[in-house]
């Protein structure tokens, strides 16, 4: 199992990450599509080749073709939106918020899966990318759709652990001269 391979690559000084990785994936209460879509979107957003290589096959095996593509789409569109909207928010001139974005985001309106799943994946990626405006926006859509805070927090926990695992494993590879 690729998850075991990934866990074994985590150094002992970060054993909490090893335990958390097994827990957030292996003990998640999320339905399989929400879980594995979140895992895939976050693995992509982590920018860690090893994390993506190890988690993608299992995600693909647990997702329909449509959900697999939608999770990748969530990571892609949020890579753009998180930079754009975070920058608009961080600029001190509020007039940028009044300008038309002019960026295509059609996949958000028609992701090919349940809107709630896509929103959850988008929120998780936004957590990794640190866009408060996107986090608020996706959280509000999810809450209006009846998604419980615990479900939202579950996706954020997955995002935080996958990001931390990626940072740790990639740092160790650099230090080892790989």
Protein backbone atom coordinates (compact mmCIF):
# COMPACT_ATOMS: atom_id res chain seq x y z
CA UNK A 1 0.00 0.00 0.00
CA UNK A 2 1.37 3.40 -0.99
CA UNK A 3 0.19 4.99 2.26
CA UNK A 4 2.48 2.64 4.20
CA UNK A 5 5.34 3.53 1.85
CA UNK A 6 4.74 7.21 2.48
CA UNK A 7 4.49 6.75 6.23
CA UNK A 8 7.77 4.82 6.25
CA UNK A 9 9.49 7.76 4.50
CA UNK A 10 8.62 10.11 7.37
CA UNK A 11 11.62 10.49 9.70
CA UNK A 12 11.32 9.57 13.37
CA UNK A 13 11.56 13.18 14.51
CA UNK A 14 8.22 13.72 12.73
CA UNK A 15 6.50 10.54 13.93
CA UNK A 16 3.45 12.61 14.90
CA UNK A 17 2.99 13.25 11.19
CA UNK A 18 3.23 9.50 10.50
CA UNK A 19 0.53 8.82 13.07
CA UNK A 20 -1.62 11.70 11.87
CA UNK A 21 -1.35 10.64 8.23
CA UNK A 22 -2.61 7.18 9.07
CA UNK A 23 -5.37 8.65 11.20
CA UNK A 24 -6.71 11.36 8.87
CA UNK A 25 -6.85 8.94 5.95
CA UNK A 26 -7.47 5.60 7.65
CA UNK A 27 -9.95 6.76 10.30
CA UNK A 28 -11.78 9.49 8.40
CA UNK A 29 -15.55 9.72 8.67
CA UNK A 30 -15.73 11.35 5.24
CA UNK A 31 -17.42 9.37 2.47
CA UNK A 32 -14.84 7.74 0.15
CA UNK A 33 -15.30 10.28 -2.66
CA UNK A 34 -14.89 13.25 -0.33
CA UNK A 35 -11.93 11.64 1.41
CA UNK A 36 -9.97 10.59 -1.66
CA UNK A 37 -10.83 13.74 -3.62
CA UNK A 38 -9.49 15.78 -0.69
CA UNK A 39 -6.38 13.60 -0.50
CA UNK A 40 -5.68 13.93 -4.23
CA UNK A 41 -6.33 17.68 -4.43
CA UNK A 42 -4.14 18.26 -1.36
CA UNK A 43 -1.37 15.99 -2.62
CA UNK A 44 -1.27 18.08 -5.79
CA UNK A 45 -1.39 21.35 -3.82
CA UNK A 46 1.43 20.17 -1.54
CA UNK A 47 3.77 20.33 -4.57
CA UNK A 48 5.59 17.29 -3.20
CA UNK A 49 6.46 14.80 -5.94
CA UNK A 50 6.81 11.92 -3.45
CA UNK A 51 3.50 12.65 -1.72
CA UNK A 52 1.68 12.88 -5.05
CA UNK A 53 3.36 9.75 -6.45
CA UNK A 54 2.45 7.71 -3.37
CA UNK A 55 -1.12 8.94 -2.82
CA UNK A 56 -2.38 9.35 -6.39
CA UNK A 57 -2.75 5.64 -7.28
CA UNK A 58 -4.93 4.92 -4.25
CA UNK A 59 -6.96 8.07 -4.85
CA UNK A 60 -7.49 7.05 -8.46
CA UNK A 61 -8.58 3.57 -7.37
CA UNK A 62 -11.12 5.03 -4.93
CA UNK A 63 -12.59 7.72 -7.19
CA UNK A 64 -14.76 7.60 -10.27
CA UNK A 65 -13.13 9.02 -13.40
CA UNK A 66 -15.28 12.14 -12.99
CA UNK A 67 -14.31 12.64 -9.34
CA UNK A 68 -10.64 12.04 -10.13
CA UNK A 69 -10.72 14.75 -12.80
CA UNK A 70 -12.76 17.09 -10.57
CA UNK A 71 -10.27 16.76 -7.69
CA UNK A 72 -7.43 17.65 -10.05
CA UNK A 73 -9.55 20.53 -11.37
CA UNK A 74 -10.08 21.81 -7.81
CA UNK A 75 -6.32 21.84 -7.24
CA UNK A 76 -5.73 23.61 -10.55
CA UNK A 77 -8.36 26.32 -10.25
CA UNK A 78 -7.49 27.01 -6.62
CA UNK A 79 -3.80 27.35 -7.53
CA UNK A 80 -4.89 30.33 -9.62
CA UNK A 81 -7.70 31.69 -7.45
CA UNK A 82 -5.78 31.47 -4.19
CA UNK A 83 -2.99 33.66 -5.57
CA UNK A 84 -5.39 36.11 -7.21
CA UNK A 85 -7.82 36.56 -4.31
CA UNK A 86 -5.16 36.43 -1.59
CA UNK A 87 -3.27 39.18 -3.41
CA UNK A 88 -6.39 41.34 -3.79
CA UNK A 89 -7.06 40.90 -0.10
CA UNK A 90 -3.48 41.71 0.92
CA UNK A 91 -3.11 44.82 -1.20
CA UNK A 92 -3.85 47.90 0.90
CA UNK A 93 -5.77 49.59 -1.91
CA UNK A 94 -9.38 48.33 -1.58
CA UNK A 95 -10.16 49.45 -5.14
CA UNK A 96 -8.61 46.21 -6.47
CA UNK A 97 -11.64 44.46 -4.98
CA UNK A 98 -13.89 46.49 -7.27
CA UNK A 99 -12.08 45.50 -10.46
CA UNK A 100 -13.41 42.68 -12.60
CA UNK A 101 -11.34 39.52 -12.17
CA UNK A 102 -11.59 38.55 -15.83
CA UNK A 103 -10.38 35.02 -15.12
CA UNK A 104 -12.21 31.93 -16.35
CA UNK A 105 -13.49 29.72 -13.54
CA UNK A 106 -16.15 27.67 -15.34
CA UNK A 107 -15.19 24.45 -13.54
CA UNK A 108 -16.51 25.87 -10.26
CA UNK A 109 -20.01 26.11 -11.74
CA UNK A 110 -19.86 22.70 -13.41
CA UNK A 111 -17.22 20.48 -11.76
CA UNK A 112 -18.66 17.14 -12.90
CA UNK A 113 -19.33 15.97 -9.32
CA UNK A 114 -21.57 17.04 -6.46
CA UNK A 115 -20.99 20.72 -5.75
CA UNK A 116 -20.41 20.00 -2.05
CA UNK A 117 -17.52 17.64 -2.84
CA UNK A 118 -15.85 20.14 -5.15
CA UNK A 119 -16.30 22.93 -2.60
CA UNK A 120 -14.75 20.76 0.12
CA UNK A 121 -11.74 20.00 -2.07
CA UNK A 122 -11.41 23.68 -2.98
CA UNK A 123 -11.51 24.64 0.69
CA UNK A 124 -8.79 22.11 1.56
CA UNK A 125 -6.52 23.38 -1.22
CA UNK A 126 -7.20 26.97 -0.13
CA UNK A 127 -6.05 26.01 3.38
CA UNK A 128 -2.73 24.79 1.97
CA UNK A 129 -2.36 27.89 -0.20
CA UNK A 130 -3.32 30.24 2.63
CA UNK A 131 -6.11 32.24 1.02
CA UNK A 132 -8.42 33.48 3.75
CA UNK A 133 -10.89 34.99 1.32
CA UNK A 134 -11.26 31.68 -0.54
CA UNK A 135 -11.50 29.75 2.74
CA UNK A 136 -14.34 31.99 3.89
CA UNK A 137 -16.11 31.75 0.55
CA UNK A 138 -15.97 27.94 0.31
CA UNK A 139 -16.81 27.47 3.99
CA UNK A 140 -19.93 29.63 3.60
CA UNK A 141 -21.09 27.66 0.55
CA UNK A 142 -20.54 24.39 2.41
CA UNK A 143 -22.35 25.57 5.55
CA UNK A 144 -25.30 26.84 3.46
CA UNK A 145 -25.46 23.38 1.88
CA UNK A 146 -25.78 21.84 5.34
CA UNK A 147 -22.22 20.57 5.72
CA UNK A 148 -21.25 20.32 9.38
CA UNK A 149 -18.23 22.11 10.82
CA UNK A 150 -16.73 18.73 11.73
CA UNK A 151 -16.71 17.70 8.06
CA UNK A 152 -15.03 20.96 7.07
CA UNK A 153 -12.47 20.56 9.84
CA UNK A 154 -11.80 16.99 8.68
CA UNK A 155 -10.84 18.28 5.22
CA UNK A 156 -8.60 20.94 6.79
CA UNK A 157 -6.91 18.29 8.95
CA UNK A 158 -6.20 16.21 5.85
CA UNK A 159 -4.79 19.29 4.11
CA UNK A 160 -2.57 20.22 7.04
CA UNK A 161 -1.15 16.72 7.48
CA UNK A 162 -0.51 16.15 3.77
CA UNK A 163 1.20 19.54 3.51
CA UNK A 164 3.36 18.85 6.56
CA UNK A 165 4.31 15.39 5.27
CA UNK A 166 5.30 16.88 1.91
CA UNK A 167 7.43 19.60 3.50
CA UNK A 168 9.16 17.11 5.78
CA UNK A 169 9.86 14.45 3.16
CA UNK A 170 11.02 16.95 0.55
CA UNK A 171 13.27 18.69 3.09
CA UNK A 172 14.88 15.40 4.03
CA UNK A 173 15.48 14.62 0.35
CA UNK A 174 17.22 17.96 -0.12
CA UNK A 175 19.35 17.43 3.00
CA UNK A 176 20.28 13.95 1.72
CA UNK A 177 21.44 15.49 -1.57
CA UNK A 178 18.67 13.91 -3.66
